[in-house]
Amino acid sequence: MSIARPAVQPLSRTLHKGQQTRAAILDAALGLASHMGLEGLSIGALAEVTQMSKSGVFAHFGSREELQISVIREYHARFEEEVFFPSIREPRGLPRLRALFERWIRRVSIELDSGCIYISGAVEFDDRPGPVRDALATMVRTWHAALERAILAAVDAGHLRPDTDAGQMLFEIHGLILALHHDARFLRNDGVLERARIGFQRVLRDSEIVPAADDQPSMPPARAARRSR
């Protein structure tokens, strides 16, 4: 008489289920962090939201600090998918730089009711050294480096003046986003998205190369004749 053996799940299937569970926990953690900040995250709060045991959540992250870092990385990955990767498909130069800013603005508009982890995290961890602050600063610097490369590419393409200070332009563009968050979320002002877009155009205008009159396409004869009447 043989002894019945319990069914054993294939390792790949077990890993896949574990990855799905971890992804679901991260999704819930992102929602909590957006409304409560990274400091509002805890294994207990997340267990309650996901209806899991604390030990079940802990098994996927090991500590509150690792949970916070994982949320930062997930936020950055989603930011790249929505803002960076679609924009770099645009032509090199000003079209790409404009696309990066416009997609950034669109994401900000969605986050106005919750909050940006980059900005809220900077407030929470600006004077608190440690792995969480380091992870957050690394992600923000990665995004800033991408924007600065786009600015320099616009210089190389002849769209911006050769003496353009890429660092200064980056500083001013980021400043527009910070002002947008402050005025929209704290002051509840109207029209701030459009103000940010206008500010961006002014930043570009200061360094943009305007084609000389001789480089402008000539007016068709028929239109020129109508203009002269």
Foldseek 3Di string as FASTA:
>chain_A
DDDDDDDDDDPVVVVVVVVVVLVVLLVLLLQCCLAPNLVSDDLVVSCVVVVHDSVVSCVSQVGSLSSLLVNLVVLLVVCCVQAPPVLVVFDQAPSSLVSNLVSVLVVVVVSLVGHDNLVRVCVVCVPPDDDSVVSSVVSVVVVLVSSLVSNVRNCVVQFFPVPDDSVVLSVQLVVLSVVLSCCCNPVVDPPSSVVSVVSNVVSSVVTGDDDDPVPDDDDPPVVVVVVVD
